[in-house]
Amino acid sequence: TFDIAAEYYKKTLHLSRQLKDQTVEAQTCYSLGNTYT
């Protein structure tokens, strides 16, 4: 259910930026890239 996964990853990305956690931000961008593929 990739569309749902993408929405959850976007929320993860938003919170990682709020928490200023660049490592998690990078990992989440990677996961979003794979999900959109």
PDB file of all heavy atoms in Angstrom:
ATOM      1  N   THR A   1       0.885  -1.170   0.000  1.00  0.00           N
ATOM      2  CA  THR A   1       0.000   0.000   0.000  1.00  0.00           C
ATOM      3  C   THR A   1       0.921   1.218   0.000  1.00  0.00           C
ATOM      4  O   THR A   1       1.079   1.904   1.009  1.00  0.00           O
ATOM      5  CB  THR A   1      -0.959  -0.027   1.213  1.00  0.00           C
ATOM      6  OG1 THR A   1      -0.223  -0.338   2.393  1.00  0.00           O
ATOM      7  CG2 THR A   1      -2.059  -1.054   1.021  1.00  0.00           C
ATOM      8  N   PHE A   2       1.544   1.415  -1.147  1.00  0.00           N
ATOM      9  CA  PHE A   2       2.613   2.400  -1.297  1.00  0.00           C
ATOM     10  C   PHE A   2       2.136   3.831  -1.099  1.00  0.00           C
ATOM     11  O   PHE A   2       2.873   4.665  -0.582  1.00  0.00           O
ATOM     12  CB  PHE A   2       3.298   2.243  -2.653  1.00  0.00           C
ATOM     13  CG  PHE A   2       3.814   0.855  -2.913  1.00  0.00           C
ATOM     14  CD1 PHE A   2       3.467   0.175  -4.072  1.00  0.00           C
ATOM     15  CD2 PHE A   2       4.637   0.209  -1.991  1.00  0.00           C
ATOM     16  CE1 PHE A   2       3.942  -1.107  -4.318  1.00  0.00           C
ATOM     17  CE2 PHE A   2       5.111  -1.073  -2.227  1.00  0.00           C
ATOM     18  CZ  PHE A   2       4.761  -1.732  -3.398  1.00  0.00           C
ATOM     19  N   ASP A   3       0.904   4.128  -1.532  1.00  0.00           N
ATOM     20  CA  ASP A   3       0.387   5.483  -1.365  1.00  0.00           C
ATOM     21  C   ASP A   3       0.247   5.830   0.120  1.00  0.00           C
ATOM     22  O   ASP A   3       0.570   6.941   0.542  1.00  0.00           O
ATOM     23  CB  ASP A   3      -0.945   5.652  -2.103  1.00  0.00           C
ATOM     24  CG  ASP A   3      -1.977   4.583  -1.750  1.00  0.00           C
ATOM     25  OD1 ASP A   3      -1.599   3.480  -1.296  1.00  0.00           O
ATOM     26  OD2 ASP A   3      -3.182   4.852  -1.927  1.00  0.00           O
ATOM     27  N   ILE A   4      -0.196   4.882   0.927  1.00  0.00           N
ATOM     28  CA  ILE A   4      -0.312   5.108   2.376  1.00  0.00           C
ATOM     29  C   ILE A   4       1.084   5.234   2.984  1.00  0.00           C
ATOM     30  O   ILE A   4       1.330   6.105   3.819  1.00  0.00           O
ATOM     31  CB  ILE A   4      -1.119   3.980   3.049  1.00  0.00           C
ATOM     32  CG1 ILE A   4      -2.554   3.963   2.502  1.00  0.00           C
ATOM     33  CG2 ILE A   4      -1.125   4.144   4.569  1.00  0.00           C
ATOM     34  CD1 ILE A   4      -3.366   2.747   2.919  1.00  0.00           C
ATOM     35  N   ALA A   5       2.002   4.384   2.542  1.00  0.00           N
ATOM     36  CA  ALA A   5       3.389   4.460   3.027  1.00  0.00           C
ATOM     37  C   ALA A   5       3.969   5.840   2.747  1.00  0.00           C
ATOM     38  O   ALA A   5       4.605   6.439   3.629  1.00  0.00           O
ATOM     39  CB  ALA A   5       4.248   3.381   2.364  1.00  0.00           C
ATOM     40  N   ALA A   6       3.736   6.365   1.545  1.00  0.00           N
ATOM     41  CA  ALA A   6       4.270   7.686   1.179  1.00  0.00           C
ATOM     42  C   ALA A   6       3.736   8.764   2.127  1.00  0.00           C
ATOM     43  O   ALA A   6       4.501   9.638   2.561  1.00  0.00           O
ATOM     44  CB  ALA A   6       3.919   8.032  -0.264  1.00  0.00           C
ATOM     45  N   GLU A   7       2.453   8.698   2.464  1.00  0.00           N
ATOM     46  CA  GLU A   7       1.877   9.696   3.374  1.00  0.00           C
ATOM     47  C   GLU A   7       2.527   9.615   4.752  1.00  0.00           C
ATOM     48  O   GLU A   7       2.829  10.645   5.364  1.00  0.00           O
ATOM     49  CB  GLU A   7       0.357   9.529   3.465  1.00  0.00           C
ATOM     50  CG  GLU A   7      -0.367   9.902   2.177  1.00  0.00           C
ATOM     51  CD  GLU A   7       0.024  11.274   1.639  1.00  0.00           C
ATOM     52  OE1 GLU A   7      -0.008  12.256   2.410  1.00  0.00           O
ATOM     53  OE2 GLU A   7       0.372  11.363   0.431  1.00  0.00           O
ATOM     54  N   TYR A   8       2.746   8.403   5.250  1.00  0.00           N
ATOM     55  CA  TYR A   8       3.403   8.252   6.547  1.00  0.00           C
ATOM     56  C   TYR A   8       4.863   8.712   6.491  1.00  0.00           C
ATOM     57  O   TYR A   8       5.351   9.335   7.422  1.00  0.00           O
ATOM     58  CB  TYR A   8       3.315   6.815   7.057  1.00  0.00           C
ATOM     59  CG  TYR A   8       1.961   6.456   7.632  1.00  0.00           C
ATOM     60  CD1 TYR A   8       1.288   5.319   7.210  1.00  0.00           C
ATOM     61  CD2 TYR A   8       1.355   7.248   8.612  1.00  0.00           C
ATOM     62  CE1 TYR A   8       0.058   4.977   7.742  1.00  0.00           C
ATOM     63  CE2 TYR A   8       0.120   6.920   9.145  1.00  0.00           C
ATOM     64  CZ  TYR A   8      -0.519   5.782   8.710  1.00  0.00           C
ATOM     65  OH  TYR A   8      -1.739   5.444   9.247  1.00  0.00           O
ATOM     66  N   TYR A   9       5.547   8.415   5.384  1.00  0.00           N
ATOM     67  CA  TYR A   9       6.935   8.885   5.255  1.00  0.00           C
ATOM     68  C   TYR A   9       6.982  10.418   5.213  1.00  0.00           C
ATOM     69  O   TYR A   9       7.897  11.029   5.760  1.00  0.00           O
ATOM     70  CB  TYR A   9       7.606   8.316   4.006  1.00  0.00           C
ATOM     71  CG  TYR A   9       8.097   6.891   4.145  1.00  0.00           C
ATOM     72  CD1 TYR A   9       7.846   5.952   3.151  1.00  0.00           C
ATOM     73  CD2 TYR A   9       8.833   6.477   5.262  1.00  0.00           C
ATOM     74  CE1 TYR A   9       8.299   4.650   3.247  1.00  0.00           C
ATOM     75  CE2 TYR A   9       9.285   5.172   5.367  1.00  0.00           C
ATOM     76  CZ  TYR A   9       9.020   4.258   4.355  1.00  0.00           C
ATOM     77  OH  TYR A   9       9.477   2.968   4.466  1.00  0.00           O
ATOM     78  N   LYS A  10       6.000  11.050   4.582  1.00  0.00           N
ATOM     79  CA  LYS A  10       5.964  12.516   4.543  1.00  0.00           C
ATOM     80  C   LYS A  10       5.801  13.087   5.951  1.00  0.00           C
ATOM     81  O   LYS A  10       6.423  14.100   6.292  1.00  0.00           O
ATOM     82  CB  LYS A  10       4.829  13.016   3.644  1.00  0.00           C
ATOM     83  CG  LYS A  10       5.108  12.853   2.166  1.00  0.00           C
ATOM     84  CD  LYS A  10       3.901  13.325   1.363  1.00  0.00           C
ATOM     85  CE  LYS A  10       4.005  12.926  -0.082  1.00  0.00           C
ATOM     86  NZ  LYS A  10       2.757  13.255  -0.815  1.00  0.00           N
ATOM     87  N   LYS A  11       4.984  12.444   6.766  1.00  0.00           N
ATOM     88  CA  LYS A  11       4.820  12.880   8.156  1.00  0.00           C
ATOM     89  C   LYS A  11       6.114  12.660   8.934  1.00  0.00           C
ATOM     90  O   LYS A  11       6.492  13.484   9.772  1.00  0.00           O
ATOM     91  CB  LYS A  11       3.642  12.153   8.802  1.00  0.00           C
ATOM     92  CG  LYS A  11       2.322  12.599   8.211  1.00  0.00           C
ATOM     93  CD  LYS A  11       1.136  11.842   8.790  1.00  0.00           C
ATOM     94  CE  LYS A  11      -0.138  12.352   8.118  1.00  0.00           C
ATOM     95  NZ  LYS A  11      -1.344  11.887   8.757  1.00  0.00           N
ATOM     96  N   THR A  12       6.785  11.562   8.639  1.00  0.00           N
ATOM     97  CA  THR A  12       8.094  11.288   9.253  1.00  0.00           C
ATOM     98  C   THR A  12       9.086  12.382   8.876  1.00  0.00           C
ATOM     99  O   THR A  12       9.817  12.896   9.731  1.00  0.00           O
ATOM    100  CB  THR A  12       8.638   9.921   8.777  1.00  0.00           C
ATOM    101  OG1 THR A  12       7.689   8.900   9.076  1.00  0.00           O
ATOM    102  CG2 THR A  12       9.970   9.594   9.424  1.00  0.00           C
ATOM    103  N   LEU A  13       9.086  12.751   7.602  1.00  0.00           N
ATOM    104  CA  LEU A  13       9.991  13.788   7.102  1.00  0.00           C
ATOM    105  C   LEU A  13       9.717  15.126   7.793  1.00  0.00           C
ATOM    106  O   LEU A  13      10.652  15.797   8.254  1.00  0.00           O
ATOM    107  CB  LEU A  13       9.842  13.925   5.586  1.00  0.00           C
ATOM    108  CG  LEU A  13      10.758  14.910   4.885  1.00  0.00           C
ATOM    109  CD1 LEU A  13      12.221  14.542   5.103  1.00  0.00           C
ATOM    110  CD2 LEU A  13      10.429  14.964   3.395  1.00  0.00           C
ATOM    111  N   HIS A  14       8.458  15.483   7.893  1.00  0.00           N
ATOM    112  CA  HIS A  14       8.076  16.735   8.546  1.00  0.00           C
ATOM    113  C   HIS A  14       8.595  16.764   9.993  1.00  0.00           C
ATOM    114  O   HIS A  14       9.190  17.760  10.429  1.00  0.00           O
ATOM    115  CB  HIS A  14       6.558  16.908   8.507  1.00  0.00           C
ATOM    116  CG  HIS A  14       6.072  18.102   9.262  1.00  0.00           C
ATOM    117  ND1 HIS A  14       6.240  19.397   8.796  1.00  0.00           N
ATOM    118  CD2 HIS A  14       5.457  18.220  10.461  1.00  0.00           C
ATOM    119  CE1 HIS A  14       5.738  20.237   9.683  1.00  0.00           C
ATOM    120  NE2 HIS A  14       5.259  19.549  10.701  1.00  0.00           N
ATOM    121  N   LEU A  15       8.385  15.672  10.718  1.00  0.00           N
ATOM    122  CA  LEU A  15       8.821  15.629  12.119  1.00  0.00           C
ATOM    123  C   LEU A  15      10.347  15.581  12.243  1.00  0.00           C
ATOM    124  O   LEU A  15      10.906  16.179  13.163  1.00  0.00           O
ATOM    125  CB  LEU A  15       8.184  14.437  12.845  1.00  0.00           C
ATOM    126  CG  LEU A  15       6.712  14.649  13.191  1.00  0.00           C
ATOM    127  CD1 LEU A  15       6.074  13.333  13.632  1.00  0.00           C
ATOM    128  CD2 LEU A  15       6.562  15.698  14.277  1.00  0.00           C
ATOM    129  N   SER A  16      11.016  14.895  11.325  1.00  0.00           N
ATOM    130  CA  SER A  16      12.481  14.855  11.395  1.00  0.00           C
ATOM    131  C   SER A  16      13.061  16.252  11.189  1.00  0.00           C
ATOM    132  O   SER A  16      14.053  16.612  11.820  1.00  0.00           O
ATOM    133  CB  SER A  16      13.067  13.855  10.389  1.00  0.00           C
ATOM    134  OG  SER A  16      12.864  14.282   9.069  1.00  0.00           O
ATOM    135  N   ARG A  17      12.410  17.040  10.347  1.00  0.00           N
ATOM    136  CA  ARG A  17      12.853  18.425  10.145  1.00  0.00           C
ATOM    137  C   ARG A  17      12.558  19.269  11.383  1.00  0.00           C
ATOM    138  O   ARG A  17      13.387  20.073  11.792  1.00  0.00           O
ATOM    139  CB  ARG A  17      12.183  19.024   8.909  1.00  0.00           C
ATOM    140  CG  ARG A  17      12.740  18.446   7.626  1.00  0.00           C
ATOM    141  CD  ARG A  17      12.006  18.922   6.398  1.00  0.00           C
ATOM    142  NE  ARG A  17      12.654  18.430   5.181  1.00  0.00           N
ATOM    143  CZ  ARG A  17      12.035  18.336   4.022  1.00  0.00           C
ATOM    144  NH1 ARG A  17      10.765  18.709   3.889  1.00  0.00           N
ATOM    145  NH2 ARG A  17      12.690  17.874   2.968  1.00  0.00           N
ATOM    146  N   GLN A  18      11.378  19.067  11.972  1.00  0.00           N
ATOM    147  CA  GLN A  18      11.020  19.771  13.207  1.00  0.00           C
ATOM    148  C   GLN A  18      12.025  19.457  14.313  1.00  0.00           C
ATOM    149  O   GLN A  18      12.396  20.338  15.089  1.00  0.00           O
ATOM    150  CB  GLN A  18       9.631  19.306  13.678  1.00  0.00           C
ATOM    151  CG  GLN A  18       8.577  20.334  13.613  1.00  0.00           C
ATOM    152  CD  GLN A  18       7.276  19.830  14.249  1.00  0.00           C
ATOM    153  OE1 GLN A  18       7.094  18.648  14.525  1.00  0.00           O
ATOM    154  NE2 GLN A  18       6.372  20.741  14.461  1.00  0.00           N
ATOM    155  N   LEU A  19      12.447  18.181  14.373  1.00  0.00           N
ATOM    156  CA  LEU A  19      13.381  17.739  15.411  1.00  0.00           C
ATOM    157  C   LEU A  19      14.838  18.013  15.034  1.00  0.00           C
ATOM    158  O   LEU A  19      15.744  17.711  15.801  1.00  0.00           O
ATOM    159  CB  LEU A  19      13.185  16.237  15.680  1.00  0.00           C
ATOM    160  CG  LEU A  19      11.824  15.847  16.273  1.00  0.00           C
ATOM    161  CD1 LEU A  19      11.609  14.342  16.167  1.00  0.00           C
ATOM    162  CD2 LEU A  19      11.727  16.321  17.713  1.00  0.00           C
ATOM    163  N   LYS A  20      15.033  18.574  13.826  1.00  0.00           N
ATOM    164  CA  LYS A  20      16.376  18.894  13.317  1.00  0.00           C
ATOM    165  C   LYS A  20      17.296  17.663  13.315  1.00  0.00           C
ATOM    166  O   LYS A  20      18.467  17.736  13.665  1.00  0.00           O
ATOM    167  CB  LYS A  20      17.005  20.042  14.107  1.00  0.00           C
ATOM    168  CG  LYS A  20      16.204  21.336  14.019  1.00  0.00           C
ATOM    169  CD  LYS A  20      16.885  22.460  14.745  1.00  0.00           C
ATOM    170  CE  LYS A  20      16.117  23.748  14.825  1.00  0.00           C
ATOM    171  NZ  LYS A  20      15.031  24.031  13.955  1.00  0.00           N
ATOM    172  N   ASP A  21      16.732  16.527  12.887  1.00  0.00           N
ATOM    173  CA  ASP A  21      17.476  15.268  12.802  1.00  0.00           C
ATOM    174  C   ASP A  21      17.766  14.986  11.336  1.00  0.00           C
ATOM    175  O   ASP A  21      16.975  14.361  10.631  1.00  0.00           O
ATOM    176  CB  ASP A  21      16.662  14.135  13.437  1.00  0.00           C
ATOM    177  CG  ASP A  21      17.440  12.833  13.543  1.00  0.00           C
ATOM    178  OD1 ASP A  21      18.410  12.637  12.779  1.00  0.00           O
ATOM    179  OD2 ASP A  21      17.058  12.013  14.403  1.00  0.00           O
ATOM    180  N   GLN A  22      18.922  15.468  10.875  1.00  0.00           N
ATOM    181  CA  GLN A  22      19.259  15.356   9.456  1.00  0.00           C
ATOM    182  C   GLN A  22      19.493  13.919   9.019  1.00  0.00           C
ATOM    183  O   GLN A  22      19.219  13.583   7.868  1.00  0.00           O
ATOM    184  CB  GLN A  22      20.497  16.196   9.133  1.00  0.00           C
ATOM    185  CG  GLN A  22      20.193  17.665   8.996  1.00  0.00           C
ATOM    186  CD  GLN A  22      21.378  18.390   8.395  1.00  0.00           C
ATOM    187  OE1 GLN A  22      22.456  18.403   8.981  1.00  0.00           O
ATOM    188  NE2 GLN A  22      21.182  18.981   7.232  1.00  0.00           N
ATOM    189  N   THR A  23      19.979  13.075   9.905  1.00  0.00           N
ATOM    190  CA  THR A  23      20.208  11.680   9.535  1.00  0.00           C
ATOM    191  C   THR A  23      18.878  11.008   9.200  1.00  0.00           C
ATOM    192  O   THR A  23      18.756  10.342   8.168  1.00  0.00           O
ATOM    193  CB  THR A  23      20.925  10.925  10.672  1.00  0.00           C
ATOM    194  OG1 THR A  23      22.165  11.592  10.933  1.00  0.00           O
ATOM    195  CG2 THR A  23      21.200   9.483  10.306  1.00  0.00           C
ATOM    196  N   VAL A  24      17.885  11.205  10.057  1.00  0.00           N
ATOM    197  CA  VAL A  24      16.567  10.623   9.798  1.00  0.00           C
ATOM    198  C   VAL A  24      15.927  11.298   8.587  1.00  0.00           C
ATOM    199  O   VAL A  24      15.260  10.640   7.779  1.00  0.00           O
ATOM    200  CB  VAL A  24      15.656  10.709  11.041  1.00  0.00           C
ATOM    201  CG1 VAL A  24      14.234  10.267  10.721  1.00  0.00           C
ATOM    202  CG2 VAL A  24      16.226   9.863  12.172  1.00  0.00           C
ATOM    203  N   GLU A  25      16.138  12.587   8.439  1.00  0.00           N
ATOM    204  CA  GLU A  25      15.620  13.298   7.267  1.00  0.00           C
ATOM    205  C   GLU A  25      16.167  12.674   5.989  1.00  0.00           C
ATOM    206  O   GLU A  25      15.415  12.414   5.037  1.00  0.00           O
ATOM    207  CB  GLU A  25      15.991  14.786   7.344  1.00  0.00           C
ATOM    208  CG  GLU A  25      15.445  15.605   6.199  1.00  0.00           C
ATOM    209  CD  GLU A  25      15.837  17.080   6.264  1.00  0.00           C
ATOM    210  OE1 GLU A  25      16.432  17.522   7.275  1.00  0.00           O
ATOM    211  OE2 GLU A  25      15.550  17.793   5.284  1.00  0.00           O
ATOM    212  N   ALA A  26      17.473  12.404   5.969  1.00  0.00           N
ATOM    213  CA  ALA A  26      18.091  11.786   4.789  1.00  0.00           C
ATOM    214  C   ALA A  26      17.521  10.387   4.543  1.00  0.00           C
ATOM    215  O   ALA A  26      17.167  10.049   3.408  1.00  0.00           O
ATOM    216  CB  ALA A  26      19.606  11.715   4.971  1.00  0.00           C
ATOM    217  N   GLN A  27      17.415   9.595   5.607  1.00  0.00           N
ATOM    218  CA  GLN A  27      16.873   8.236   5.465  1.00  0.00           C
ATOM    219  C   GLN A  27      15.436   8.278   4.938  1.00  0.00           C
ATOM    220  O   GLN A  27      15.054   7.448   4.114  1.00  0.00           O
ATOM    221  CB  GLN A  27      16.900   7.510   6.809  1.00  0.00           C
ATOM    222  CG  GLN A  27      18.293   7.169   7.289  1.00  0.00           C
ATOM    223  CD  GLN A  27      18.317   6.754   8.764  1.00  0.00           C
ATOM    224  OE1 GLN A  27      17.376   6.984   9.513  1.00  0.00           O
ATOM    225  NE2 GLN A  27      19.426   6.152   9.175  1.00  0.00           N
ATOM    226  N   THR A  28      14.672   9.239   5.411  1.00  0.00           N
ATOM    227  CA  THR A  28      13.276   9.341   4.989  1.00  0.00           C
ATOM    228  C   THR A  28      13.174   9.789   3.533  1.00  0.00           C
ATOM    229  O   THR A  28      12.325   9.284   2.791  1.00  0.00           O
ATOM    230  CB  THR A  28      12.496  10.282   5.920  1.00  0.00           C
ATOM    231  OG1 THR A  28      12.674   9.842   7.272  1.00  0.00           O
ATOM    232  CG2 THR A  28      11.019  10.296   5.587  1.00  0.00           C
ATOM    233  N   CYS A  29      14.041  10.689   3.107  1.00  0.00           N
ATOM    234  CA  CYS A  29      14.060  11.083   1.692  1.00  0.00           C
ATOM    235  C   CYS A  29      14.399   9.886   0.814  1.00  0.00           C
ATOM    236  O   CYS A  29      13.783   9.681  -0.244  1.00  0.00           O
ATOM    237  CB  CYS A  29      15.055  12.220   1.458  1.00  0.00           C
ATOM    238  SG  CYS A  29      14.478  13.811   2.089  1.00  0.00           S
ATOM    239  N   TYR A  30      15.337   9.072   1.266  1.00  0.00           N
ATOM    240  CA  TYR A  30      15.699   7.838   0.563  1.00  0.00           C
ATOM    241  C   TYR A  30      14.469   6.926   0.449  1.00  0.00           C
ATOM    242  O   TYR A  30      14.151   6.425  -0.637  1.00  0.00           O
ATOM    243  CB  TYR A  30      16.838   7.140   1.316  1.00  0.00           C
ATOM    244  CG  TYR A  30      17.180   5.768   0.820  1.00  0.00           C
ATOM    245  CD1 TYR A  30      18.048   5.590  -0.249  1.00  0.00           C
ATOM    246  CD2 TYR A  30      16.652   4.633   1.430  1.00  0.00           C
ATOM    247  CE1 TYR A  30      18.372   4.320  -0.713  1.00  0.00           C
ATOM    248  CE2 TYR A  30      16.963   3.364   0.984  1.00  0.00           C
ATOM    249  CZ  TYR A  30      17.823   3.216  -0.091  1.00  0.00           C
ATOM    250  OH  TYR A  30      18.133   1.951  -0.539  1.00  0.00           O
ATOM    251  N   SER A  31      13.766   6.734   1.577  1.00  0.00           N
ATOM    252  CA  SER A  31      12.581   5.873   1.583  1.00  0.00           C
ATOM    253  C   SER A  31      11.480   6.430   0.684  1.00  0.00           C
ATOM    254  O   SER A  31      10.801   5.681  -0.029  1.00  0.00           O
ATOM    255  CB  SER A  31      12.051   5.707   3.007  1.00  0.00           C
ATOM    256  OG  SER A  31      12.992   5.022   3.806  1.00  0.00           O
ATOM    257  N   LEU A  32      11.297   7.754   0.717  1.00  0.00           N
ATOM    258  CA  LEU A  32      10.301   8.374  -0.162  1.00  0.00           C
ATOM    259  C   LEU A  32      10.689   8.210  -1.634  1.00  0.00           C
ATOM    260  O   LEU A  32       9.822   7.946  -2.477  1.00  0.00           O
ATOM    261  CB  LEU A  32      10.116   9.849   0.188  1.00  0.00           C
ATOM    262  CG  LEU A  32       9.136  10.122   1.314  1.00  0.00           C
ATOM    263  CD1 LEU A  32       9.339  11.516   1.890  1.00  0.00           C
ATOM    264  CD2 LEU A  32       7.700   9.926   0.843  1.00  0.00           C
ATOM    265  N   GLY A  33      11.968   8.333  -1.939  1.00  0.00           N
ATOM    266  CA  GLY A  33      12.419   8.110  -3.319  1.00  0.00           C
ATOM    267  C   GLY A  33      12.090   6.703  -3.788  1.00  0.00           C
ATOM    268  O   GLY A  33      11.564   6.501  -4.889  1.00  0.00           O
ATOM    269  N   ASN A  34      12.358   5.735  -2.933  1.00  0.00           N
ATOM    270  CA  ASN A  34      12.052   4.341  -3.284  1.00  0.00           C
ATOM    271  C   ASN A  34      10.550   4.115  -3.397  1.00  0.00           C
ATOM    272  O   ASN A  34      10.081   3.401  -4.289  1.00  0.00           O
ATOM    273  CB  ASN A  34      12.654   3.379  -2.253  1.00  0.00           C
ATOM    274  CG  ASN A  34      14.161   3.309  -2.356  1.00  0.00           C
ATOM    275  OD1 ASN A  34      14.736   3.624  -3.391  1.00  0.00           O
ATOM    276  ND2 ASN A  34      14.806   2.921  -1.284  1.00  0.00           N
ATOM    277  N   THR A  35       9.795   4.722  -2.491  1.00  0.00           N
ATOM    278  CA  THR A  35       8.339   4.548  -2.502  1.00  0.00           C
ATOM    279  C   THR A  35       7.744   5.140  -3.777  1.00  0.00           C
ATOM    280  O   THR A  35       6.884   4.518  -4.420  1.00  0.00           O
ATOM    281  CB  THR A  35       7.711   5.190  -1.248  1.00  0.00           C
ATOM    282  OG1 THR A  35       8.305   4.599  -0.090  1.00  0.00           O
ATOM    283  CG2 THR A  35       6.208   4.971  -1.214  1.00  0.00           C
ATOM    284  N   TYR A  36       8.209   6.330  -4.158  1.00  0.00           N
ATOM    285  CA  TYR A  36       7.685   6.935  -5.388  1.00  0.00           C
ATOM    286  C   TYR A  36       8.123   6.166  -6.629  1.00  0.00           C
ATOM    287  O   TYR A  36       7.401   6.143  -7.634  1.00  0.00           O
ATOM    288  CB  TYR A  36       8.032   8.423  -5.474  1.00  0.00           C
ATOM    289  CG  TYR A  36       7.058   9.240  -4.656  1.00  0.00           C
ATOM    290  CD1 TYR A  36       7.454   9.879  -3.492  1.00  0.00           C
ATOM    291  CD2 TYR A  36       5.718   9.330  -5.029  1.00  0.00           C
ATOM    292  CE1 TYR A  36       6.555  10.599  -2.721  1.00  0.00           C
ATOM    293  CE2 TYR A  36       4.809  10.041  -4.273  1.00  0.00           C
ATOM    294  CZ  TYR A  36       5.233  10.673  -3.116  1.00  0.00           C
ATOM    295  OH  TYR A  36       4.317  11.366  -2.357  1.00  0.00           O
ATOM    296  N   THR A  37       9.263   5.482  -6.563  1.00  0.00           N
ATOM    297  CA  THR A  37       9.654   4.600  -7.667  1.00  0.00           C
ATOM    298  C   THR A  37       8.639   3.461  -7.779  1.00  0.00           C
ATOM    299  O   THR A  37       8.185   3.123  -8.876  1.00  0.00           O
ATOM    300  CB  THR A  37      11.073   4.042  -7.452  1.00  0.00           C
ATOM    301  OG1 THR A  37      11.994   5.135  -7.409  1.00  0.00           O
ATOM    302  CG2 THR A  37      11.463   3.081  -8.563  1.00  0.00           C
TER     303      THR A  37
END
